[in-house]
Amino acid sequence: MAERYKIELQSTIDHDWSSWLGNLELAHTPTGHTILTGYVPDQAALHGLLARIRDLGIAILLVVRLESTDRLT
């Protein structure tokens, strides 16, 4: 069952990476971080997504599974 996640990255990445990162929504913070939000199909897909981010050399600051009542950003 797909779950919603929020992933915060230490760097700013371009919106062009969205499709490579599972079509998650990208938002940038004033501090230069990137927030990825959206649905991930399962735990295997989540681990694959985190591995892709790791392979880019970008530090992952936060991974949170969002409840249905949580805001995406």
N, C-alpha and C. Protein backbone atom coordinates (compact mmCIF):
# COMPACT_ATOMS: atom_id res chain seq x y z
N MET A 1 0.84 -1.19 0.00
CA MET A 1 0.00 0.00 0.00
C MET A 1 0.88 1.25 0.00
N ALA A 2 0.61 2.16 -0.87
CA ALA A 2 1.40 3.38 -0.98
C ALA A 2 1.21 4.25 0.25
N GLU A 3 2.30 4.84 0.69
CA GLU A 3 2.29 5.77 1.82
C GLU A 3 2.87 7.10 1.37
N ARG A 4 2.44 8.18 2.04
CA ARG A 4 2.99 9.51 1.74
C ARG A 4 4.22 9.74 2.60
N TYR A 5 5.24 10.33 1.98
CA TYR A 5 6.49 10.62 2.69
C TYR A 5 6.92 12.06 2.44
N LYS A 6 7.66 12.56 3.40
CA LYS A 6 8.36 13.85 3.28
C LYS A 6 9.83 13.54 3.51
N ILE A 7 10.66 13.95 2.56
CA ILE A 7 12.10 13.72 2.64
C ILE A 7 12.79 15.06 2.48
N GLU A 8 13.62 15.42 3.45
CA GLU A 8 14.34 16.69 3.37
C GLU A 8 15.80 16.43 3.05
N LEU A 9 16.29 17.14 2.04
CA LEU A 9 17.67 17.00 1.58
C LEU A 9 18.46 18.25 1.91
N GLN A 10 19.75 18.09 2.16
CA GLN A 10 20.59 19.22 2.56
C GLN A 10 20.86 20.19 1.41
N SER A 11 20.74 19.74 0.19
CA SER A 11 21.06 20.57 -0.97
C SER A 11 19.81 20.95 -1.75
N THR A 12 19.95 21.94 -2.61
CA THR A 12 18.89 22.29 -3.54
C THR A 12 19.10 21.49 -4.81
N ILE A 13 18.05 20.78 -5.24
CA ILE A 13 18.13 20.06 -6.51
C ILE A 13 17.07 20.62 -7.45
N ASP A 14 17.37 20.56 -8.72
CA ASP A 14 16.50 21.12 -9.75
C ASP A 14 15.23 20.29 -9.91
N HIS A 15 14.15 20.95 -10.29
CA HIS A 15 12.87 20.28 -10.50
C HIS A 15 12.94 19.22 -11.60
N ASP A 16 13.93 19.31 -12.48
CA ASP A 16 14.09 18.31 -13.54
C ASP A 16 14.36 16.91 -12.99
N TRP A 17 14.82 16.81 -11.75
CA TRP A 17 15.10 15.52 -11.13
C TRP A 17 13.84 14.81 -10.65
N SER A 18 12.71 15.47 -10.67
CA SER A 18 11.48 14.90 -10.12
C SER A 18 11.14 13.54 -10.71
N SER A 19 11.20 13.39 -12.02
CA SER A 19 10.84 12.11 -12.63
C SER A 19 11.83 11.01 -12.24
N TRP A 20 13.09 11.35 -12.09
CA TRP A 20 14.10 10.38 -11.69
C TRP A 20 13.92 9.97 -10.23
N LEU A 21 13.27 10.83 -9.46
CA LEU A 21 13.03 10.57 -8.04
C LEU A 21 11.59 10.15 -7.78
N GLY A 22 10.99 9.45 -8.70
CA GLY A 22 9.66 8.89 -8.48
C GLY A 22 8.52 9.88 -8.62
N ASN A 23 8.75 10.97 -9.36
CA ASN A 23 7.73 12.00 -9.57
C ASN A 23 7.22 12.61 -8.28
N LEU A 24 8.08 12.70 -7.29
CA LEU A 24 7.71 13.39 -6.05
C LEU A 24 7.73 14.89 -6.29
N GLU A 25 6.93 15.60 -5.51
CA GLU A 25 6.93 17.07 -5.60
C GLU A 25 8.21 17.59 -4.95
N LEU A 26 8.80 18.61 -5.57
CA LEU A 26 10.00 19.24 -5.03
C LEU A 26 9.67 20.66 -4.60
N ALA A 27 10.15 21.02 -3.44
CA ALA A 27 10.03 22.40 -2.96
C ALA A 27 11.37 22.78 -2.34
N HIS A 28 11.71 24.05 -2.42
CA HIS A 28 12.96 24.53 -1.85
C HIS A 28 12.69 25.42 -0.65
N THR A 29 13.54 25.30 0.35
CA THR A 29 13.40 26.12 1.55
C THR A 29 14.33 27.33 1.44
N PRO A 30 14.08 28.36 2.23
CA PRO A 30 14.97 29.53 2.22
C PRO A 30 16.40 29.19 2.66
N THR A 31 16.56 28.08 3.38
CA THR A 31 17.89 27.68 3.86
C THR A 31 18.66 26.84 2.84
N GLY A 32 18.10 26.64 1.64
CA GLY A 32 18.79 25.91 0.60
C GLY A 32 18.57 24.41 0.62
N HIS A 33 17.60 23.96 1.36
CA HIS A 33 17.26 22.53 1.39
C HIS A 33 16.19 22.24 0.35
N THR A 34 16.04 20.98 0.01
CA THR A 34 14.97 20.52 -0.88
C THR A 34 14.05 19.61 -0.09
N ILE A 35 12.75 19.81 -0.24
CA ILE A 35 11.75 18.95 0.38
C ILE A 35 11.09 18.15 -0.74
N LEU A 36 11.15 16.83 -0.63
CA LEU A 36 10.46 15.93 -1.55
C LEU A 36 9.22 15.41 -0.83
N THR A 37 8.08 15.44 -1.47
CA THR A 37 6.86 14.91 -0.86
C THR A 37 6.06 14.14 -1.90
N GLY A 38 5.38 13.12 -1.42
CA GLY A 38 4.51 12.36 -2.30
C GLY A 38 4.38 10.92 -1.87
N TYR A 39 3.71 10.16 -2.71
CA TYR A 39 3.44 8.76 -2.42
C TYR A 39 4.57 7.87 -2.91
N VAL A 40 4.91 6.90 -2.07
CA VAL A 40 5.90 5.88 -2.41
C VAL A 40 5.17 4.54 -2.30
N PRO A 41 5.26 3.69 -3.34
CA PRO A 41 4.43 2.47 -3.38
C PRO A 41 4.63 1.51 -2.21
N ASP A 42 5.88 1.32 -1.77
CA ASP A 42 6.14 0.35 -0.70
C ASP A 42 7.53 0.59 -0.13
N GLN A 43 7.92 -0.21 0.86
CA GLN A 43 9.22 -0.04 1.51
C GLN A 43 10.38 -0.27 0.55
N ALA A 44 10.24 -1.22 -0.36
CA ALA A 44 11.31 -1.47 -1.33
C ALA A 44 11.53 -0.23 -2.20
N ALA A 45 10.46 0.40 -2.63
CA ALA A 45 10.56 1.62 -3.44
C ALA A 45 11.18 2.76 -2.63
N LEU A 46 10.83 2.85 -1.34
CA LEU A 46 11.41 3.89 -0.48
C LEU A 46 12.92 3.69 -0.37
N HIS A 47 13.35 2.46 -0.12
CA HIS A 47 14.79 2.19 -0.02
C HIS A 47 15.50 2.47 -1.34
N GLY A 48 14.86 2.16 -2.45
CA GLY A 48 15.43 2.47 -3.75
C GLY A 48 15.57 3.96 -3.97
N LEU A 49 14.56 4.71 -3.57
CA LEU A 49 14.59 6.17 -3.68
C LEU A 49 15.72 6.75 -2.84
N LEU A 50 15.84 6.28 -1.60
CA LEU A 50 16.90 6.77 -0.71
C LEU A 50 18.27 6.41 -1.27
N ALA A 51 18.41 5.25 -1.89
CA ALA A 51 19.68 4.85 -2.49
C ALA A 51 20.03 5.77 -3.67
N ARG A 52 19.04 6.16 -4.46
CA ARG A 52 19.29 7.08 -5.58
C ARG A 52 19.79 8.43 -5.05
N ILE A 53 19.15 8.91 -4.00
CA ILE A 53 19.58 10.18 -3.41
C ILE A 53 21.00 10.05 -2.87
N ARG A 54 21.28 8.95 -2.19
CA ARG A 54 22.63 8.69 -1.67
C ARG A 54 23.64 8.70 -2.80
N ASP A 55 23.30 8.04 -3.92
CA ASP A 55 24.21 7.96 -5.05
C ASP A 55 24.51 9.32 -5.67
N LEU A 56 23.63 10.28 -5.47
CA LEU A 56 23.88 11.65 -5.93
C LEU A 56 24.83 12.40 -4.99
N GLY A 57 25.09 11.81 -3.83
CA GLY A 57 25.98 12.44 -2.86
C GLY A 57 25.31 13.53 -2.05
N ILE A 58 23.99 13.49 -1.97
CA ILE A 58 23.23 14.50 -1.23
C ILE A 58 22.86 13.95 0.15
N ALA A 59 23.11 14.74 1.17
CA ALA A 59 22.78 14.32 2.53
C ALA A 59 21.27 14.33 2.74
N ILE A 60 20.77 13.26 3.32
CA ILE A 60 19.35 13.15 3.67
C ILE A 60 19.21 13.59 5.12
N LEU A 61 18.43 14.64 5.35
CA LEU A 61 18.27 15.18 6.69
C LEU A 61 17.09 14.59 7.44
N LEU A 62 16.03 14.21 6.70
CA LEU A 62 14.80 13.79 7.35
C LEU A 62 13.99 12.91 6.42
N VAL A 63 13.43 11.84 6.98
CA VAL A 63 12.47 11.00 6.26
C VAL A 63 11.31 10.77 7.21
N VAL A 64 10.11 11.19 6.80
CA VAL A 64 8.93 11.07 7.65
C VAL A 64 7.77 10.50 6.84
N ARG A 65 7.13 9.47 7.39
CA ARG A 65 5.89 8.98 6.78
C ARG A 65 4.78 9.88 7.29
N LEU A 66 4.02 10.45 6.37
CA LEU A 66 2.97 11.38 6.73
C LEU A 66 1.65 10.65 6.96
N GLU A 67 0.94 11.08 7.96
CA GLU A 67 -0.41 10.58 8.21
C GLU A 67 -1.34 11.25 7.21
N SER A 68 -2.50 10.70 7.03
CA SER A 68 -3.44 11.25 6.05
C SER A 68 -3.86 12.68 6.38
N THR A 69 -3.76 13.08 7.65
CA THR A 69 -4.14 14.43 8.04
C THR A 69 -2.97 15.41 8.01
N ASP A 70 -1.74 14.91 7.77
CA ASP A 70 -0.56 15.78 7.73
C ASP A 70 -0.51 16.54 6.41
N ARG A 71 0.04 17.74 6.48
CA ARG A 71 0.29 18.50 5.26
C ARG A 71 1.47 17.91 4.53
N LEU A 72 1.51 18.07 3.22
CA LEU A 72 2.62 17.54 2.44
C LEU A 72 3.90 18.34 2.58
N THR A 73 3.83 19.66 2.79
CA THR A 73 5.05 20.45 2.88
C THR A 73 5.13 21.15 4.20
